Protein backbone atom coordinates (compact mmCIF):
# COMPACT_ATOMS: atom_id res chain seq x y z
CA UNK A 1 55.78 -69.97 57.07
CA UNK A 2 53.12 -72.64 56.83
CA UNK A 3 53.00 -75.31 54.16
CA UNK A 4 49.84 -77.35 53.84
CA UNK A 5 50.07 -81.07 53.14
CA UNK A 6 46.73 -82.30 51.87
CA UNK A 7 46.91 -85.65 53.68
CA UNK A 8 45.79 -85.67 57.31
CA UNK A 9 48.29 -86.35 60.09
CA UNK A 10 45.99 -89.22 61.12
CA UNK A 11 43.81 -90.76 58.40
CA UNK A 12 40.35 -90.14 59.85
CA UNK A 13 37.53 -92.50 58.84
CA UNK A 14 33.82 -92.91 59.60
CA UNK A 15 31.47 -95.83 59.00
CA UNK A 16 28.34 -93.81 58.23
CA UNK A 17 26.83 -90.35 58.66
CA UNK A 18 25.91 -89.34 62.20
CA UNK A 19 24.60 -85.74 62.47
CA UNK A 20 24.04 -86.07 66.21
CA UNK A 21 27.63 -86.97 67.01
CA UNK A 22 28.88 -84.41 64.49
CA UNK A 23 27.15 -81.80 66.61
CA UNK A 24 28.88 -83.06 69.76
CA UNK A 25 32.25 -83.14 68.02
CA UNK A 26 31.94 -79.41 67.28
CA UNK A 27 33.08 -78.99 70.89
CA UNK A 28 36.60 -79.88 69.75
CA UNK A 29 36.39 -77.73 66.63
CA UNK A 30 35.24 -74.41 68.03
CA UNK A 31 34.81 -75.02 71.76
CA UNK A 32 36.72 -73.62 74.73
CA UNK A 33 38.92 -76.71 75.02
CA UNK A 34 39.05 -77.53 71.31
CA UNK A 35 41.83 -77.70 68.78
CA UNK A 36 41.43 -74.16 67.44
CA UNK A 37 41.81 -72.75 70.94
CA UNK A 38 44.89 -74.89 71.58
CA UNK A 39 46.55 -73.96 68.29
CA UNK A 40 46.07 -70.22 68.81
CA UNK A 41 47.00 -70.43 72.50
CA UNK A 42 50.44 -71.92 71.82
CA UNK A 43 50.92 -69.86 68.65
CA UNK A 44 50.45 -66.66 70.64
CA UNK A 45 52.66 -67.77 73.53
CA UNK A 46 55.49 -68.58 71.15
CA UNK A 47 56.07 -64.95 70.13
CA UNK A 48 57.20 -63.92 73.61
CA UNK A 49 59.52 -66.93 73.86
CA UNK A 50 61.31 -66.37 70.53
CA UNK A 51 64.47 -64.67 71.84
CA UNK A 52 64.78 -65.42 75.56
CA UNK A 53 63.79 -69.10 75.09
CA UNK A 54 64.46 -70.13 71.47
CA UNK A 55 64.13 -73.81 72.39
CA UNK A 56 60.69 -73.22 73.93
CA UNK A 57 59.71 -71.13 70.90
CA UNK A 58 60.48 -74.18 68.79
CA UNK A 59 58.42 -76.40 71.10
CA UNK A 60 55.42 -74.06 71.15
CA UNK A 61 55.42 -73.56 67.38
CA UNK A 62 55.72 -77.31 66.77
CA UNK A 63 52.80 -78.12 69.05
CA UNK A 64 50.71 -75.17 67.78
CA UNK A 65 51.19 -76.41 64.24
CA UNK A 66 50.24 -79.93 65.26
CA UNK A 67 47.10 -78.56 66.90
CA UNK A 68 46.15 -76.93 63.59
CA UNK A 69 46.52 -80.35 62.00
CA UNK A 70 44.25 -81.78 64.72
CA UNK A 71 41.69 -79.09 63.91
CA UNK A 72 41.83 -80.35 60.34
CA UNK A 73 41.26 -83.93 61.52
CA UNK A 74 38.25 -82.90 63.60
CA UNK A 75 36.83 -80.82 60.75
CA UNK A 76 37.28 -83.66 58.28
CA UNK A 77 35.58 -86.10 60.65
CA UNK A 78 32.63 -83.73 61.15
CA UNK A 79 32.34 -83.29 57.39
CA UNK A 80 32.27 -87.06 56.85
CA UNK A 81 29.71 -87.51 59.63
CA UNK A 82 27.51 -85.04 57.74
CA UNK A 83 28.00 -86.70 54.36
CA UNK A 84 25.09 -85.96 52.03
CA UNK A 85 23.61 -82.98 53.85
CA UNK A 86 25.09 -80.37 51.53
CA UNK A 87 24.10 -82.25 48.39
CA UNK A 88 20.63 -83.12 49.67
CA UNK A 89 19.91 -79.48 50.43
CA UNK A 90 20.61 -78.78 46.76
CA UNK A 91 19.31 -81.97 45.15
CA UNK A 92 17.72 -84.54 47.45
CA UNK A 93 18.63 -87.82 45.83
CA UNK A 94 16.83 -90.81 47.26
CA UNK A 95 19.95 -92.96 47.18
CA UNK A 96 22.22 -90.59 49.10
CA UNK A 97 23.54 -91.52 52.52
CA UNK A 98 21.65 -88.79 54.33
CA UNK A 99 18.39 -89.68 52.58
CA UNK A 100 18.72 -93.23 53.90
CA UNK A 101 18.69 -91.69 57.37
CA UNK A 102 15.70 -89.54 56.42
CA UNK A 103 13.50 -92.46 55.30
CA UNK A 104 10.07 -91.39 56.40
CA UNK A 105 8.73 -88.23 58.02
CA UNK A 106 9.48 -89.37 61.58
CA UNK A 107 13.09 -90.19 60.72
CA UNK A 108 13.53 -86.85 58.99
CA UNK A 109 12.16 -84.95 61.96
CA UNK A 110 14.42 -86.93 64.27
CA UNK A 111 17.58 -86.00 62.34
CA UNK A 112 16.51 -82.37 62.19
CA UNK A 113 15.93 -82.47 65.95
CA UNK A 114 19.39 -83.96 66.48
CA UNK A 115 20.98 -81.13 64.54
CA UNK A 116 18.97 -78.29 66.01
CA UNK A 117 21.40 -77.88 68.91
CA UNK A 118 23.77 -76.62 66.22
CA UNK A 119 21.34 -75.45 63.50
CA UNK A 120 24.12 -73.94 61.39
CA UNK A 121 24.60 -77.43 59.96
CA UNK A 122 21.26 -77.14 58.20
CA UNK A 123 20.44 -73.46 57.79
CA UNK A 124 23.84 -71.74 57.64
CA UNK A 125 26.74 -73.95 56.60
CA UNK A 126 24.88 -76.80 54.87
CA UNK A 127 26.98 -79.43 56.56
CA UNK A 128 30.31 -77.58 56.74
CA UNK A 129 31.89 -77.45 60.24
CA UNK A 130 31.33 -74.10 61.90
CA UNK A 131 33.52 -72.33 64.45
CA UNK A 132 31.16 -72.92 67.36
CA UNK A 133 30.93 -75.28 70.27
CA UNK A 134 28.38 -78.10 70.45
CA UNK A 135 25.71 -75.65 71.62
CA UNK A 136 26.19 -73.34 68.65
CA UNK A 137 28.04 -70.64 70.63
CA UNK A 138 30.63 -68.93 68.37
CA UNK A 139 34.31 -69.35 69.14
CA UNK A 140 35.83 -66.42 71.00
CA UNK A 141 39.36 -65.31 71.80
CA UNK A 142 38.17 -64.94 75.40
CA UNK A 143 38.85 -68.69 75.64
CA UNK A 144 42.60 -68.09 75.43
CA UNK A 145 43.40 -64.43 76.07
CA UNK A 146 44.48 -65.11 79.66
CA UNK A 147 46.85 -67.92 78.72
CA UNK A 148 49.77 -65.75 77.60
CA UNK A 149 51.00 -63.75 80.58
CA UNK A 150 54.50 -62.82 79.52
CA UNK A 151 56.04 -65.36 81.89
CA UNK A 152 56.79 -68.71 80.30
CA UNK A 153 56.57 -70.70 83.54
CA UNK A 154 53.01 -69.44 83.99
CA UNK A 155 52.15 -70.15 80.35
CA UNK A 156 53.47 -73.71 80.50
CA UNK A 157 51.48 -74.45 83.65
CA UNK A 158 48.38 -73.11 81.90
CA UNK A 159 49.13 -75.38 78.95
CA UNK A 160 49.33 -78.45 81.18
CA UNK A 161 45.83 -77.61 82.42
CA UNK A 162 44.56 -76.99 78.89
CA UNK A 163 45.83 -80.36 77.68
CA UNK A 164 44.17 -82.00 80.68
CA UNK A 165 40.79 -80.45 79.85
CA UNK A 166 41.06 -81.34 76.16
CA UNK A 167 41.95 -84.93 77.05
CA UNK A 168 38.86 -85.22 79.23
CA UNK A 169 36.57 -83.88 76.47
CA UNK A 170 37.82 -86.57 74.09
CA UNK A 171 37.37 -89.17 76.82
CA UNK A 172 33.73 -88.13 77.24
CA UNK A 173 33.13 -87.94 73.48
CA UNK A 174 34.26 -91.57 73.14
CA UNK A 175 31.22 -92.59 75.17
CA UNK A 176 28.79 -91.10 72.63
CA UNK A 177 29.76 -92.94 69.46
CA UNK A 178 29.73 -96.59 68.46
CA UNK A 179 31.60 -96.01 65.21
CA UNK A 180 34.92 -97.94 65.51
CA UNK A 181 36.63 -95.66 63.01
CA UNK A 182 35.56 -92.49 64.81
CA UNK A 183 36.70 -94.03 68.10
CA UNK A 184 40.06 -94.74 66.50
CA UNK A 185 40.45 -91.08 65.55
CA UNK A 186 39.31 -89.82 68.94
CA UNK A 187 41.76 -92.11 70.74
CA UNK A 188 44.60 -90.74 68.61
CA UNK A 189 43.63 -87.15 69.39
CA UNK A 190 43.18 -87.93 73.09
CA UNK A 191 46.60 -89.58 73.22
CA UNK A 192 48.28 -86.56 71.67
CA UNK A 193 46.83 -84.43 74.48
CA UNK A 194 48.60 -86.74 76.95
CA UNK A 195 51.82 -86.44 74.94
CA UNK A 196 51.64 -82.64 74.88
CA UNK A 197 50.91 -82.58 78.64
CA UNK A 198 54.21 -84.37 79.23
CA UNK A 199 56.12 -82.13 76.80
CA UNK A 200 54.96 -78.94 78.51
CA UNK A 201 55.69 -80.41 81.93
CA UNK A 202 59.20 -81.40 80.84
CA UNK A 203 59.82 -77.96 79.31
CA UNK A 204 58.79 -76.29 82.57
CA UNK A 205 61.33 -78.34 84.52
CA UNK A 206 64.16 -77.08 82.28
CA UNK A 207 63.55 -73.51 83.46
CA UNK A 208 65.27 -72.86 86.77
CA UNK A 209 64.06 -71.35 88.99
CA UNK A 210 60.43 -71.83 87.96
CA UNK A 211 58.62 -71.31 91.26
CA UNK A 212 56.80 -69.16 92.03
CA UNK A 213 55.77 -67.97 88.56
CA UNK A 214 56.98 -64.48 87.79
CA UNK A 215 59.60 -62.52 89.72
CA UNK A 216 58.33 -61.63 93.20
CA UNK A 217 58.55 -64.19 95.98
CA UNK A 218 55.75 -64.94 98.42
CA UNK A 219 55.53 -63.33 101.85
CA UNK A 220 56.97 -65.70 104.50
CA UNK A 221 54.18 -64.96 106.98
CA UNK A 222 51.44 -66.49 104.84
CA UNK A 223 53.00 -68.92 102.36
CA UNK A 224 52.56 -71.98 104.64
CA UNK A 225 49.30 -71.16 106.45
CA UNK A 226 46.21 -73.37 106.03
CA UNK A 227 42.89 -71.90 107.15
CA UNK A 228 40.21 -74.42 108.18
CA UNK A 229 37.39 -72.56 106.46
CA UNK A 230 34.61 -75.13 106.86
CA UNK A 231 32.74 -76.91 109.64
CA UNK A 232 32.03 -80.61 109.99
CA UNK A 233 34.41 -83.45 109.24
CA UNK A 234 37.93 -82.12 108.75
CA UNK A 235 40.31 -84.00 106.50
CA UNK A 236 44.06 -83.92 106.60
CA UNK A 237 46.59 -84.54 103.87
CA UNK A 238 49.80 -83.17 102.41
CA UNK A 239 47.95 -79.96 101.57
CA UNK A 240 47.37 -79.04 105.23
CA UNK A 241 49.98 -80.97 107.23
CA UNK A 242 53.68 -81.67 106.94
CA UNK A 243 55.70 -79.38 104.69
CA UNK A 244 54.82 -77.38 101.59
CA UNK A 245 55.65 -79.01 98.28
CA UNK A 246 57.96 -76.35 96.81
CA UNK A 247 59.29 -74.17 99.62
CA UNK A 248 59.60 -76.96 102.20
CA UNK A 249 58.01 -74.90 104.96
CA UNK A 250 56.14 -76.45 107.88
CA UNK A 251 52.41 -76.01 107.35
CA UNK A 252 50.61 -73.97 110.03
CA UNK A 253 47.03 -75.23 110.50
CA UNK A 254 44.62 -72.56 111.74
CA UNK A 255 41.79 -74.50 113.38
CA UNK A 256 39.49 -71.54 114.07
CA UNK A 257 40.10 -68.82 111.45
CA UNK A 258 37.42 -66.44 112.79
CA UNK A 259 38.90 -66.42 116.26
CA UNK A 260 42.45 -66.19 114.94
CA UNK A 261 41.70 -63.29 112.59
CA UNK A 262 40.13 -61.35 115.47
CA UNK A 263 43.04 -62.10 117.78
CA UNK A 264 45.62 -60.93 115.25
CA UNK A 265 43.80 -57.76 114.21
CA UNK A 266 42.93 -59.04 110.77
CA UNK A 267 46.22 -60.96 110.52
CA UNK A 268 48.26 -57.76 110.84
CA UNK A 269 49.88 -59.19 113.98
CA UNK A 270 50.39 -62.65 112.54
CA UNK A 271 54.04 -63.72 112.67
CA UNK A 272 55.90 -66.06 110.37
CA UNK A 273 56.34 -69.58 111.70
CA UNK A 274 57.66 -72.85 110.35
CA UNK A 275 59.90 -71.21 107.77
CA UNK A 276 63.51 -70.08 107.54
CA UNK A 277 62.64 -67.36 105.04
CA UNK A 278 62.69 -63.76 106.21
CA UNK A 279 61.46 -60.53 104.65
CA UNK A 280 65.07 -59.49 104.15
CA UNK A 281 65.89 -62.74 102.36
CA UNK A 282 62.77 -62.43 100.20
CA UNK A 283 63.72 -58.88 99.21
CA UNK A 284 67.17 -60.09 98.21
CA UNK A 285 65.72 -62.86 96.03
CA UNK A 286 63.25 -60.38 94.49
CA UNK A 287 66.17 -58.18 93.40
CA UNK A 288 68.14 -61.14 92.10
CA UNK A 289 65.19 -62.46 90.12
CA UNK A 290 64.41 -59.01 88.72
CA UNK A 291 68.00 -58.68 87.50
CA UNK A 292 68.02 -62.23 86.11
CA UNK A 293 64.76 -61.82 84.19
CA UNK A 294 65.75 -58.39 82.89
CA UNK A 295 69.15 -59.62 81.67
CA UNK A 296 67.52 -62.72 80.19
CA UNK A 297 65.25 -60.61 78.00
CA UNK A 298 67.70 -57.78 77.26
CA UNK A 299 70.54 -60.11 76.29
CA UNK A 300 68.32 -61.68 73.65
CA UNK A 301 67.68 -58.37 71.88
CA UNK A 302 69.92 -58.07 68.81
CA UNK A 303 71.82 -54.90 68.03
CA UNK A 304 70.82 -52.72 65.10
CA UNK A 305 68.00 -53.58 62.73
CA UNK A 306 65.83 -56.36 64.09
CA UNK A 307 64.52 -59.19 61.97
CA UNK A 308 62.55 -62.30 62.86
CA UNK A 309 64.31 -64.81 60.62
CA UNK A 310 67.78 -66.03 61.57
CA UNK A 311 70.21 -64.29 59.18
CA UNK A 312 72.53 -66.36 57.07
CA UNK A 313 76.26 -65.85 57.74
CA UNK A 314 77.77 -63.12 55.58
CA UNK A 315 80.60 -64.81 53.68
CA UNK A 316 82.11 -61.44 52.77
CA UNK A 317 82.26 -60.43 56.42
CA UNK A 318 83.98 -63.07 58.62
CA UNK A 319 83.55 -60.88 61.68
CA UNK A 320 79.77 -60.77 61.20
CA UNK A 321 79.76 -64.53 60.75
CA UNK A 322 81.63 -65.02 64.02
CA UNK A 323 79.18 -62.74 65.85
CA UNK A 324 76.21 -64.64 64.44
CA UNK A 325 77.70 -68.01 65.32
CA UNK A 326 78.75 -66.93 68.79
CA UNK A 327 75.35 -65.42 69.45
CA UNK A 328 73.59 -68.63 68.44
CA UNK A 329 76.00 -70.67 70.55
CA UNK A 330 75.39 -68.49 73.60
CA UNK A 331 71.62 -68.82 73.18
CA UNK A 332 71.88 -72.60 72.91
CA UNK A 333 74.05 -72.78 76.03
CA UNK A 334 71.69 -70.49 77.92
CA UNK A 335 68.74 -72.62 76.85
CA UNK A 336 70.43 -75.79 78.11
CA UNK A 337 71.07 -74.20 81.49
C-alpha cells in the first residue's frame, strides 16, 4: 500500500529556468541509471525475498519507495527548470520567465536548439518530464530485467553496482549547472546513492554463506588461475599474485596461455594446484547448499491458504495465535542468523 505525501522528501529549488540542464537531468528520470529504474529494480527484487528473507524484503521495499520519492524530486526539479514553457505554448506572455530567455530571435533559436536533444519538451509534453533519457530514448524494462535473478546475494551485488553508477551520473551532472539550489538537490540525491550502497553491502554480509552467488561451487582446477592474455608490460597485483580474496587459494599465474593450452590439450589435462579443495569436497558442499537453499525457501511457505499480508492473531483461537507468533519468531531468528 502506497500513501502519497504531497511534500517532497527533499525540498527541491531552482533559481531560474534552464531548459538545457533540464534535458540533461532527464537521464536520472528515465535513463538506465535513473531513479525510475532503481525504484522498479528493488521493488521487483523484494517479491522474491518476502518469505525467505523478511528483513531484506523490508529493506528493499523501503529503498524502492525512497527511490520513487527521488523520482518525484527529479521530476519536480525538471518541471521547475522548464517553468513557463507550458504556459507560453498556450499564451506567450512577454513577462513570463521563459519569454525572458527567448528575448530576440537568436535567443529563441538557441533555447529551441538546447531542447532539441529531447524535443518532447516542446512538441510532445509541453514542458512535462518524459520517461526518456537525456537523448530522448524511451525508458525500457530492459534496463533492469537482469537484476532480479532469484538469488538475493546476486541481487544485492547488482544493487551495489547500480548505486555506484547512479552516484557517478549525479557527480557528472553537478558539473553542468551553476544553480546553487539545483546543486543542493543533486548533492542530496548523490549522497543517498552512497547511503544505499552501504545498506546493500551491509545486508549482503548478513547472509552466510554468500559466496559464490547461487548454490554450485566453483571447480577447484580453475578458480585460482590467472591467464596472462596480453603482451607488453605485465602488471602484478592482488588479482594475479598471492591468494584469492574469498577462497584463499594460491593464485596460479599462466605466463604463456597459448603454449599452456596446447600442452594441456585445451586445459583438459590441467590439474588443480594451490588449493585444498577437491572435487569430492565441492560435490559435498553443492549438496549441502542445495539442501540449505531448498529448506530456506520451503520453510517459509505457509500451510493452507496463502496471503501476502501478515494475519492478525485470532483471539478466539489461542492455538492459531501461538502458531502465528512462533512462526514470526522463527523467521526473525533465522533472519538474524
